[in-house]
Amino acid sequence: MGPWALGLLLLCCLPRPAPALGQPPPSRRPQRDPAKGRTVPQPHSARTKWDQERYSRQPQCVRCCDAPEQAPQHYQPVAQINMTILKGEKGDRGERGLQGKFGKPGTTGHRGHVGAKGQKGSVGATGERCKSHYAAFSVGRRKPLHSNAYYQTLIFDTEFVNLYGHFNMFTGKFYCYVPGVYYFSLHVHTWNQKETYLHLMHNAEEAVVLYAQASDRSIMQSQSIMLELREQDEVWVRLFKGERDNAIFSDDFDTYVTFSGHLVKYSGDP
């Protein structure tokens, strides 16, 4: 190879000089129109591409202390279970639990509206007759009596009132069939020169005494009392002889001795 050919080869291997900054490349330089003697402007697309190449050659400033950008997090899917597949069969009904405590009572609500009038009902059965509680008696004696024993029951021979037969004329006693409060009164006529001594008895106990001493004149004596009786109680009059003769006066024409009683208040009433 001759020296001329060697020089040509080296010339081809030499690098081409880069265009200076601020100047467009030769291919992009504005062309001059020789006919008109003026410069022909280049198209806009060519200038824009040249600007991009120029600014891309400028180095970027990066600080070594900056932290590296965080890598994007990848989405991890979460497994989901279909509960309808795992649902079992319906179980048996459990036992009823204990009743809980009652709550505090609420306030009274407003009164509701008056409802419509209902239909008239049928007539009911006839009720029992009203029970009235009564008890009363009044008896007398027309014959005189001299005591012939230490204790002697006074028997009456005249009946004025004996409601429902509660006073027994044979025994001389009133028997209580309607319990309650009763009023009793006893009237006698004394005998001249003889003592008069009687007890008004409640069952076997002396309730009150009717007494008159012996005197030349005969007089009327009386005694009264209120007693609270229970059913089957007895009320009667007893003569007491004592040391003297005990006597009461009466005759067949007039009644000088009377014994009466009546119910004042029934125990069942309020």
C-alpha atoms as a PDB file:
ATOM      1  CA  MET A   1       0.000   0.000   0.000  1.00  0.00           C
ATOM      2  CA  GLY A   2       1.351   3.387  -0.928  1.00  0.00           C
ATOM      3  CA  PRO A   3       1.630   6.346   1.360  1.00  0.00           C
ATOM      4  CA  TRP A   4      -1.237   8.032  -0.345  1.00  0.00           C
ATOM      5  CA  ALA A   5      -3.628   5.262   0.340  1.00  0.00           C
ATOM      6  CA  LEU A   6      -2.495   5.004   3.923  1.00  0.00           C
ATOM      7  CA  GLY A   7      -3.182   8.720   4.472  1.00  0.00           C
ATOM      8  CA  LEU A   8      -6.660   8.386   2.984  1.00  0.00           C
ATOM      9  CA  LEU A   9      -7.441   5.526   5.313  1.00  0.00           C
ATOM     10  CA  LEU A  10      -6.407   7.469   8.378  1.00  0.00           C
ATOM     11  CA  LEU A  11      -8.493  10.422   7.268  1.00  0.00           C
ATOM     12  CA  CYS A  12     -11.578   8.270   7.110  1.00  0.00           C
ATOM     13  CA  CYS A  13     -10.996   6.936  10.598  1.00  0.00           C
ATOM     14  CA  LEU A  14     -10.754  10.331  12.220  1.00  0.00           C
ATOM     15  CA  PRO A  15     -14.000  11.381  14.163  1.00  0.00           C
ATOM     16  CA  ARG A  16     -16.136  14.118  12.778  1.00  0.00           C
ATOM     17  CA  PRO A  17     -16.289  17.314  14.853  1.00  0.00           C
ATOM     18  CA  ALA A  18     -19.624  17.895  16.731  1.00  0.00           C
ATOM     19  CA  PRO A  19     -21.501  21.025  15.937  1.00  0.00           C
ATOM     20  CA  ALA A  20     -21.050  23.900  18.306  1.00  0.00           C
ATOM     21  CA  LEU A  21     -23.709  24.629  20.967  1.00  0.00           C
ATOM     22  CA  GLY A  22     -26.145  27.201  19.899  1.00  0.00           C
ATOM     23  CA  GLN A  23     -25.734  26.379  16.221  1.00  0.00           C
ATOM     24  CA  PRO A  24     -27.952  24.003  14.370  1.00  0.00           C
ATOM     25  CA  PRO A  25     -26.424  21.133  12.451  1.00  0.00           C
ATOM     26  CA  PRO A  26     -25.445  21.767   8.881  1.00  0.00           C
ATOM     27  CA  SER A  27     -28.391  19.812   7.615  1.00  0.00           C
ATOM     28  CA  ARG A  28     -30.701  21.954   9.662  1.00  0.00           C
ATOM     29  CA  ARG A  29     -29.187  25.301   8.849  1.00  0.00           C
ATOM     30  CA  PRO A  30     -31.377  27.693   6.928  1.00  0.00           C
ATOM     31  CA  GLN A  31     -30.863  27.426   3.182  1.00  0.00           C
ATOM     32  CA  ARG A  32     -30.347  30.438   0.999  1.00  0.00           C
ATOM     33  CA  ASP A  33     -32.345  30.674  -2.176  1.00  0.00           C
ATOM     34  CA  PRO A  34     -29.802  31.685  -4.875  1.00  0.00           C
ATOM     35  CA  ALA A  35     -32.538  32.850  -7.229  1.00  0.00           C
ATOM     36  CA  LYS A  36     -34.137  35.271  -4.864  1.00  0.00           C
ATOM     37  CA  GLY A  37     -31.043  35.998  -2.744  1.00  0.00           C
ATOM     38  CA  ARG A  38     -32.772  35.294   0.692  1.00  0.00           C
ATOM     39  CA  THR A  39     -32.809  32.646   3.334  1.00  0.00           C
ATOM     40  CA  VAL A  40     -35.474  29.875   3.172  1.00  0.00           C
ATOM     41  CA  PRO A  41     -36.931  29.068   6.619  1.00  0.00           C
ATOM     42  CA  GLN A  42     -36.819  25.462   7.769  1.00  0.00           C
ATOM     43  CA  PRO A  43     -39.990  23.627   8.728  1.00  0.00           C
ATOM     44  CA  HIS A  44     -41.168  23.760  12.348  1.00  0.00           C
ATOM     45  CA  SER A  45     -40.888  20.012  12.870  1.00  0.00           C
ATOM     46  CA  ALA A  46     -37.237  20.073  11.977  1.00  0.00           C
ATOM     47  CA  ARG A  47     -36.463  22.822  14.499  1.00  0.00           C
ATOM     48  CA  THR A  48     -38.310  21.086  17.284  1.00  0.00           C
ATOM     49  CA  LYS A  49     -36.423  17.847  16.784  1.00  0.00           C
ATOM     50  CA  TRP A  50     -33.156  19.759  16.803  1.00  0.00           C
ATOM     51  CA  ASP A  51     -34.090  21.497  20.071  1.00  0.00           C
ATOM     52  CA  GLN A  52     -34.842  18.167  21.712  1.00  0.00           C
ATOM     53  CA  GLU A  53     -31.478  16.786  20.638  1.00  0.00           C
ATOM     54  CA  ARG A  54     -29.715  19.890  21.934  1.00  0.00           C
ATOM     55  CA  TYR A  55     -31.326  19.856  25.402  1.00  0.00           C
ATOM     56  CA  SER A  56     -30.954  16.076  25.724  1.00  0.00           C
ATOM     57  CA  ARG A  57     -27.211  16.456  25.515  1.00  0.00           C
ATOM     58  CA  GLN A  58     -27.128  18.644  28.629  1.00  0.00           C
ATOM     59  CA  PRO A  59     -26.091  16.606  31.721  1.00  0.00           C
ATOM     60  CA  GLN A  60     -28.581  16.242  34.577  1.00  0.00           C
ATOM     61  CA  CYS A  61     -27.554  17.122  38.173  1.00  0.00           C
ATOM     62  CA  VAL A  62     -28.107  14.261  40.649  1.00  0.00           C
ATOM     63  CA  ARG A  63     -27.219  14.427  44.355  1.00  0.00           C
ATOM     64  CA  CYS A  64     -25.516  11.445  45.820  1.00  0.00           C
ATOM     65  CA  CYS A  65     -27.272  11.877  49.194  1.00  0.00           C
ATOM     66  CA  ASP A  66     -30.790  11.483  47.792  1.00  0.00           C
ATOM     67  CA  ALA A  67     -32.548   8.289  48.865  1.00  0.00           C
ATOM     68  CA  PRO A  68     -33.396   5.912  46.102  1.00  0.00           C
ATOM     69  CA  GLU A  69     -36.919   5.981  44.922  1.00  0.00           C
ATOM     70  CA  GLN A  70     -39.182   3.468  46.677  1.00  0.00           C
ATOM     71  CA  ALA A  71     -40.078   0.561  44.592  1.00  0.00           C
ATOM     72  CA  PRO A  72     -43.782   0.297  43.852  1.00  0.00           C
ATOM     73  CA  GLN A  73     -45.660  -2.108  46.080  1.00  0.00           C
ATOM     74  CA  HIS A  74     -47.179  -5.039  44.380  1.00  0.00           C
ATOM     75  CA  TYR A  75     -50.881  -5.888  45.095  1.00  0.00           C
ATOM     76  CA  GLN A  76     -51.310  -9.126  46.922  1.00  0.00           C
ATOM     77  CA  PRO A  77     -54.788 -10.652  46.613  1.00  0.00           C
ATOM     78  CA  VAL A  78     -56.525 -11.789  49.862  1.00  0.00           C
ATOM     79  CA  ALA A  79     -58.124 -15.173  49.910  1.00  0.00           C
ATOM     80  CA  GLN A  80     -61.912 -15.126  50.516  1.00  0.00           C
ATOM     81  CA  ILE A  81     -64.033 -18.013  51.753  1.00  0.00           C
ATOM     82  CA  ASN A  82     -67.562 -18.584  50.516  1.00  0.00           C
ATOM     83  CA  MET A  83     -69.562 -19.027  53.762  1.00  0.00           C
ATOM     84  CA  THR A  84     -72.496 -20.555  51.947  1.00  0.00           C
ATOM     85  CA  ILE A  85     -70.333 -23.568  51.190  1.00  0.00           C
ATOM     86  CA  LEU A  86     -69.297 -24.047  54.876  1.00  0.00           C
ATOM     87  CA  LYS A  87     -72.868 -23.514  56.319  1.00  0.00           C
ATOM     88  CA  GLY A  88     -74.128 -26.632  58.063  1.00  0.00           C
ATOM     89  CA  GLU A  89     -77.612 -27.951  58.673  1.00  0.00           C
ATOM     90  CA  LYS A  90     -80.024 -26.172  61.046  1.00  0.00           C
ATOM     91  CA  GLY A  91     -79.727 -27.419  64.658  1.00  0.00           C
ATOM     92  CA  ASP A  92     -82.460 -28.306  67.149  1.00  0.00           C
ATOM     93  CA  ARG A  93     -84.207 -25.598  69.114  1.00  0.00           C
ATOM     94  CA  GLY A  94     -82.609 -24.991  72.532  1.00  0.00           C
ATOM     95  CA  GLU A  95     -84.343 -24.836  75.895  1.00  0.00           C
ATOM     96  CA  ARG A  96     -86.059 -21.658  76.941  1.00  0.00           C
ATOM     97  CA  GLY A  97     -83.942 -19.475  79.209  1.00  0.00           C
ATOM     98  CA  LEU A  98     -84.865 -18.033  82.571  1.00  0.00           C
ATOM     99  CA  GLN A  99     -87.137 -15.049  82.694  1.00  0.00           C
ATOM    100  CA  GLY A 100     -85.303 -11.796  83.102  1.00  0.00           C
ATOM    101  CA  LYS A 101     -85.953  -9.136  85.688  1.00  0.00           C
ATOM    102  CA  PHE A 102     -88.886  -6.841  85.238  1.00  0.00           C
ATOM    103  CA  GLY A 103     -88.047  -3.362  84.112  1.00  0.00           C
ATOM    104  CA  LYS A 104     -89.148  -0.160  85.720  1.00  0.00           C
ATOM    105  CA  PRO A 105     -92.814   0.679  85.162  1.00  0.00           C
ATOM    106  CA  GLY A 106     -93.372   3.246  82.525  1.00  0.00           C
ATOM    107  CA  THR A 107     -95.390   6.378  82.771  1.00  0.00           C
ATOM    108  CA  THR A 108     -99.152   6.239  82.442  1.00  0.00           C
ATOM    109  CA  GLY A 109    -100.237   6.769  78.908  1.00  0.00           C
ATOM    110  CA  HIS A 110    -102.987   8.997  77.662  1.00  0.00           C
ATOM    111  CA  ARG A 111    -106.538   7.788  77.954  1.00  0.00           C
ATOM    112  CA  GLY A 112    -107.794   6.219  74.793  1.00  0.00           C
ATOM    113  CA  HIS A 113    -110.848   7.180  72.852  1.00  0.00           C
ATOM    114  CA  VAL A 114    -114.253   5.898  73.875  1.00  0.00           C
ATOM    115  CA  GLY A 115    -115.109   2.839  71.883  1.00  0.00           C
ATOM    116  CA  ALA A 116    -118.314   2.177  70.080  1.00  0.00           C
ATOM    117  CA  LYS A 117    -121.295   1.011  72.110  1.00  0.00           C
ATOM    118  CA  GLY A 118    -121.680  -2.736  72.112  1.00  0.00           C
ATOM    119  CA  GLN A 119    -124.794  -4.742  71.528  1.00  0.00           C
ATOM    120  CA  LYS A 120    -127.272  -5.339  74.311  1.00  0.00           C
ATOM    121  CA  GLY A 121    -126.702  -8.630  76.097  1.00  0.00           C
ATOM    122  CA  SER A 122    -129.253 -11.266  76.910  1.00  0.00           C
ATOM    123  CA  VAL A 123    -131.249 -11.256  80.140  1.00  0.00           C
ATOM    124  CA  GLY A 124    -129.591 -13.210  82.934  1.00  0.00           C
ATOM    125  CA  ALA A 125    -131.114 -15.708  85.336  1.00  0.00           C
ATOM    126  CA  THR A 126    -133.177 -14.492  88.257  1.00  0.00           C
ATOM    127  CA  GLY A 127    -131.062 -14.008  91.366  1.00  0.00           C
ATOM    128  CA  GLU A 128    -131.775 -15.213  94.867  1.00  0.00           C
ATOM    129  CA  ARG A 129    -133.988 -13.232  97.147  1.00  0.00           C
ATOM    130  CA  CYS A 130    -132.164 -10.784  99.370  1.00  0.00           C
ATOM    131  CA  LYS A 131    -131.560 -12.257 102.781  1.00  0.00           C
ATOM    132  CA  SER A 132    -132.628 -10.029 105.665  1.00  0.00           C
ATOM    133  CA  HIS A 133    -131.316 -10.612 109.150  1.00  0.00           C
ATOM    134  CA  TYR A 134    -133.861 -10.027 111.893  1.00  0.00           C
ATOM    135  CA  ALA A 135    -134.370 -11.342 115.411  1.00  0.00           C
ATOM    136  CA  ALA A 136    -136.834 -10.099 118.056  1.00  0.00           C
ATOM    137  CA  PHE A 137    -139.025 -11.432 120.858  1.00  0.00           C
ATOM    138  CA  SER A 138    -141.242 -10.164 123.689  1.00  0.00           C
ATOM    139  CA  VAL A 139    -142.829 -12.488 126.285  1.00  0.00           C
ATOM    140  CA  GLY A 140    -144.638 -12.062 129.621  1.00  0.00           C
ATOM    141  CA  ARG A 141    -145.881 -13.893 132.730  1.00  0.00           C
ATOM    142  CA  ARG A 142    -149.359 -13.550 134.247  1.00  0.00           C
ATOM    143  CA  LYS A 143    -148.933 -15.884 137.184  1.00  0.00           C
ATOM    144  CA  PRO A 144    -147.068 -15.009 140.404  1.00  0.00           C
ATOM    145  CA  LEU A 145    -144.018 -17.045 141.369  1.00  0.00           C
ATOM    146  CA  HIS A 146    -142.332 -17.980 144.650  1.00  0.00           C
ATOM    147  CA  SER A 147    -138.861 -19.457 144.412  1.00  0.00           C
ATOM    148  CA  ASN A 148    -138.701 -23.008 145.746  1.00  0.00           C
ATOM    149  CA  ALA A 149    -135.069 -23.770 144.949  1.00  0.00           C
ATOM    150  CA  TYR A 150    -131.676 -22.143 145.215  1.00  0.00           C
ATOM    151  CA  TYR A 151    -131.691 -21.360 141.491  1.00  0.00           C
ATOM    152  CA  GLN A 152    -134.835 -21.397 139.389  1.00  0.00           C
ATOM    153  CA  THR A 153    -135.385 -20.531 135.698  1.00  0.00           C
ATOM    154  CA  LEU A 154    -138.164 -18.007 135.070  1.00  0.00           C
ATOM    155  CA  ILE A 155    -140.705 -19.461 132.654  1.00  0.00           C
ATOM    156  CA  PHE A 156    -143.054 -17.224 130.706  1.00  0.00           C
ATOM    157  CA  ASP A 157    -146.596 -18.071 129.683  1.00  0.00           C
ATOM    158  CA  THR A 158    -147.532 -15.232 127.332  1.00  0.00           C
ATOM    159  CA  GLU A 159    -146.034 -14.643 123.885  1.00  0.00           C
ATOM    160  CA  PHE A 160    -146.289 -11.182 122.352  1.00  0.00           C
ATOM    161  CA  VAL A 161    -143.653 -11.397 119.650  1.00  0.00           C
ATOM    162  CA  ASN A 162    -141.489 -14.378 118.822  1.00  0.00           C
ATOM    163  CA  LEU A 163    -139.917 -13.755 115.393  1.00  0.00           C
ATOM    164  CA  TYR A 164    -138.876 -17.030 113.732  1.00  0.00           C
ATOM    165  CA  GLY A 165    -139.410 -18.833 117.094  1.00  0.00           C
ATOM    166  CA  HIS A 166    -135.960 -17.933 118.455  1.00  0.00           C
ATOM    167  CA  PHE A 167    -137.385 -17.793 122.006  1.00  0.00           C
ATOM    168  CA  ASN A 168    -138.302 -21.189 123.425  1.00  0.00           C
ATOM    169  CA  MET A 169    -141.405 -20.919 125.626  1.00  0.00           C
ATOM    170  CA  PHE A 170    -140.797 -24.338 127.244  1.00  0.00           C
ATOM    171  CA  THR A 171    -137.233 -23.693 128.395  1.00  0.00           C
ATOM    172  CA  GLY A 172    -137.695 -19.928 128.939  1.00  0.00           C
ATOM    173  CA  LYS A 173    -134.516 -19.161 126.935  1.00  0.00           C
ATOM    174  CA  PHE A 174    -133.667 -17.099 123.864  1.00  0.00           C
ATOM    175  CA  TYR A 175    -131.369 -18.914 121.419  1.00  0.00           C
ATOM    176  CA  CYS A 176    -129.204 -16.850 119.092  1.00  0.00           C
ATOM    177  CA  TYR A 177    -129.401 -17.873 115.419  1.00  0.00           C
ATOM    178  CA  VAL A 178    -128.296 -14.514 113.990  1.00  0.00           C
ATOM    179  CA  PRO A 179    -125.024 -13.341 115.570  1.00  0.00           C
ATOM    180  CA  GLY A 180    -124.682  -9.675 116.373  1.00  0.00           C
ATOM    181  CA  VAL A 181    -125.464  -7.020 118.978  1.00  0.00           C
ATOM    182  CA  TYR A 182    -128.746  -7.378 120.910  1.00  0.00           C
ATOM    183  CA  TYR A 183    -130.701  -5.237 123.312  1.00  0.00           C
ATOM    184  CA  PHE A 184    -132.541  -6.918 126.254  1.00  0.00           C
ATOM    185  CA  SER A 185    -134.899  -5.517 128.890  1.00  0.00           C
ATOM    186  CA  LEU A 186    -136.550  -7.126 131.949  1.00  0.00           C
ATOM    187  CA  HIS A 187    -139.517  -5.733 133.930  1.00  0.00           C
ATOM    188  CA  VAL A 188    -141.000  -7.265 137.113  1.00  0.00           C
ATOM    189  CA  HIS A 189    -143.411  -6.333 139.925  1.00  0.00           C
ATOM    190  CA  THR A 190    -142.255  -6.961 143.473  1.00  0.00           C
ATOM    191  CA  TRP A 191    -144.298  -8.658 146.205  1.00  0.00           C
ATOM    192  CA  ASN A 192    -145.118  -7.040 149.515  1.00  0.00           C
ATOM    193  CA  GLN A 193    -142.854  -8.122 152.377  1.00  0.00           C
ATOM    194  CA  LYS A 194    -140.868 -10.330 149.997  1.00  0.00           C
ATOM    195  CA  GLU A 195    -137.456  -9.922 148.398  1.00  0.00           C
ATOM    196  CA  THR A 196    -137.019  -9.776 144.617  1.00  0.00           C
ATOM    197  CA  TYR A 197    -133.703 -11.079 143.338  1.00  0.00           C
ATOM    198  CA  LEU A 198    -133.190 -12.062 139.686  1.00  0.00           C
ATOM    199  CA  HIS A 199    -130.218 -12.512 137.298  1.00  0.00           C
ATOM    200  CA  LEU A 200    -130.294 -11.889 133.555  1.00  0.00           C
ATOM    201  CA  MET A 201    -128.044 -14.718 132.306  1.00  0.00           C
ATOM    202  CA  HIS A 202    -125.761 -14.928 129.290  1.00  0.00           C
ATOM    203  CA  ASN A 203    -125.174 -18.643 128.830  1.00  0.00           C
ATOM    204  CA  ALA A 204    -124.042 -19.757 132.334  1.00  0.00           C
ATOM    205  CA  GLU A 205    -122.833 -16.353 133.555  1.00  0.00           C
ATOM    206  CA  GLU A 206    -124.729 -13.554 135.304  1.00  0.00           C
ATOM    207  CA  ALA A 207    -124.851 -10.504 133.063  1.00  0.00           C
ATOM    208  CA  VAL A 208    -126.870  -8.095 135.288  1.00  0.00           C
ATOM    209  CA  VAL A 209    -128.929  -8.237 138.516  1.00  0.00           C
ATOM    210  CA  LEU A 210    -132.444  -7.010 139.221  1.00  0.00           C
ATOM    211  CA  TYR A 211    -132.916  -6.590 142.974  1.00  0.00           C
ATOM    212  CA  ALA A 212    -135.498  -5.066 145.348  1.00  0.00           C
ATOM    213  CA  GLN A 213    -135.548  -5.368 149.136  1.00  0.00           C
ATOM    214  CA  ALA A 214    -138.612  -6.497 151.075  1.00  0.00           C
ATOM    215  CA  SER A 215    -141.009  -3.624 151.625  1.00  0.00           C
ATOM    216  CA  ASP A 216    -144.575  -2.858 152.648  1.00  0.00           C
ATOM    217  CA  ARG A 217    -145.231  -1.510 149.172  1.00  0.00           C
ATOM    218  CA  SER A 218    -144.879  -3.347 145.896  1.00  0.00           C
ATOM    219  CA  ILE A 219    -143.120  -1.542 143.070  1.00  0.00           C
ATOM    220  CA  MET A 220    -142.108  -2.070 139.432  1.00  0.00           C
ATOM    221  CA  GLN A 221    -138.425  -2.857 138.844  1.00  0.00           C
ATOM    222  CA  SER A 222    -136.595  -2.952 135.498  1.00  0.00           C
ATOM    223  CA  GLN A 223    -133.183  -3.780 134.089  1.00  0.00           C
ATOM    224  CA  SER A 224    -131.735  -3.516 130.531  1.00  0.00           C
ATOM    225  CA  ILE A 225    -128.488  -4.436 128.788  1.00  0.00           C
ATOM    226  CA  MET A 226    -126.862  -4.815 125.353  1.00  0.00           C
ATOM    227  CA  LEU A 227    -124.970  -8.018 124.603  1.00  0.00           C
ATOM    228  CA  GLU A 228    -122.887  -9.191 121.655  1.00  0.00           C
ATOM    229  CA  LEU A 229    -124.008 -12.726 120.923  1.00  0.00           C
ATOM    230  CA  ARG A 230    -122.520 -15.464 118.833  1.00  0.00           C
ATOM    231  CA  GLU A 231    -124.506 -18.192 117.181  1.00  0.00           C
ATOM    232  CA  GLN A 232    -126.068 -20.708 119.660  1.00  0.00           C
ATOM    233  CA  ASP A 233    -125.635 -18.341 122.639  1.00  0.00           C
ATOM    234  CA  GLU A 234    -128.441 -18.373 125.262  1.00  0.00           C
ATOM    235  CA  VAL A 235    -130.068 -15.521 127.199  1.00  0.00           C
ATOM    236  CA  TRP A 236    -132.518 -16.215 130.053  1.00  0.00           C
ATOM    237  CA  VAL A 237    -133.720 -15.088 133.529  1.00  0.00           C
ATOM    238  CA  ARG A 238    -132.927 -16.870 136.798  1.00  0.00           C
ATOM    239  CA  LEU A 239    -134.386 -16.451 140.318  1.00  0.00           C
ATOM    240  CA  PHE A 240    -132.019 -16.576 143.317  1.00  0.00           C
ATOM    241  CA  LYS A 241    -133.531 -17.667 146.632  1.00  0.00           C
ATOM    242  CA  GLY A 242    -130.862 -16.807 149.160  1.00  0.00           C
ATOM    243  CA  GLU A 243    -131.789 -16.483 152.858  1.00  0.00           C
ATOM    244  CA  ARG A 244    -135.199 -14.869 152.275  1.00  0.00           C
ATOM    245  CA  ASP A 245    -138.218 -15.720 150.177  1.00  0.00           C
ATOM    246  CA  ASN A 246    -137.851 -14.535 146.612  1.00  0.00           C
ATOM    247  CA  ALA A 247    -141.089 -13.773 144.748  1.00  0.00           C
ATOM    248  CA  ILE A 248    -142.539 -11.782 141.847  1.00  0.00           C
ATOM    249  CA  PHE A 249    -146.147 -10.615 141.610  1.00  0.00           C
ATOM    250  CA  SER A 250    -148.619 -10.972 138.730  1.00  0.00           C
ATOM    251  CA  ASP A 251    -152.252 -12.089 138.177  1.00  0.00           C
ATOM    252  CA  ASP A 252    -154.430 -13.605 135.505  1.00  0.00           C
ATOM    253  CA  PHE A 253    -155.921 -10.296 134.475  1.00  0.00           C
ATOM    254  CA  ASP A 254    -152.777  -8.177 133.921  1.00  0.00           C
ATOM    255  CA  THR A 255    -149.213  -8.895 132.859  1.00  0.00           C
ATOM    256  CA  TYR A 256    -146.719  -7.534 135.385  1.00  0.00           C
ATOM    257  CA  VAL A 257    -143.595  -9.387 134.213  1.00  0.00           C
ATOM    258  CA  THR A 258    -142.092  -8.961 130.710  1.00  0.00           C
ATOM    259  CA  PHE A 259    -138.863  -9.972 129.017  1.00  0.00           C
ATOM    260  CA  SER A 260    -137.933  -8.572 125.560  1.00  0.00           C
ATOM    261  CA  GLY A 261    -134.970  -8.497 123.172  1.00  0.00           C
ATOM    262  CA  HIS A 262    -134.115  -7.654 119.549  1.00  0.00           C
ATOM    263  CA  LEU A 263    -131.173  -7.538 117.151  1.00  0.00           C
ATOM    264  CA  VAL A 264    -129.506  -4.154 116.823  1.00  0.00           C
ATOM    265  CA  LYS A 265    -126.713  -4.929 114.353  1.00  0.00           C
ATOM    266  CA  TYR A 266    -125.882  -8.064 112.431  1.00  0.00           C
ATOM    267  CA  SER A 267    -122.240  -9.145 112.780  1.00  0.00           C
ATOM    268  CA  GLY A 268    -121.870  -9.606 109.016  1.00  0.00           C
ATOM    269  CA  ASP A 269    -122.734  -5.981 108.219  1.00  0.00           C
ATOM    270  CA  PRO A 270    -119.854  -3.520 107.705  1.00  0.00           C
END
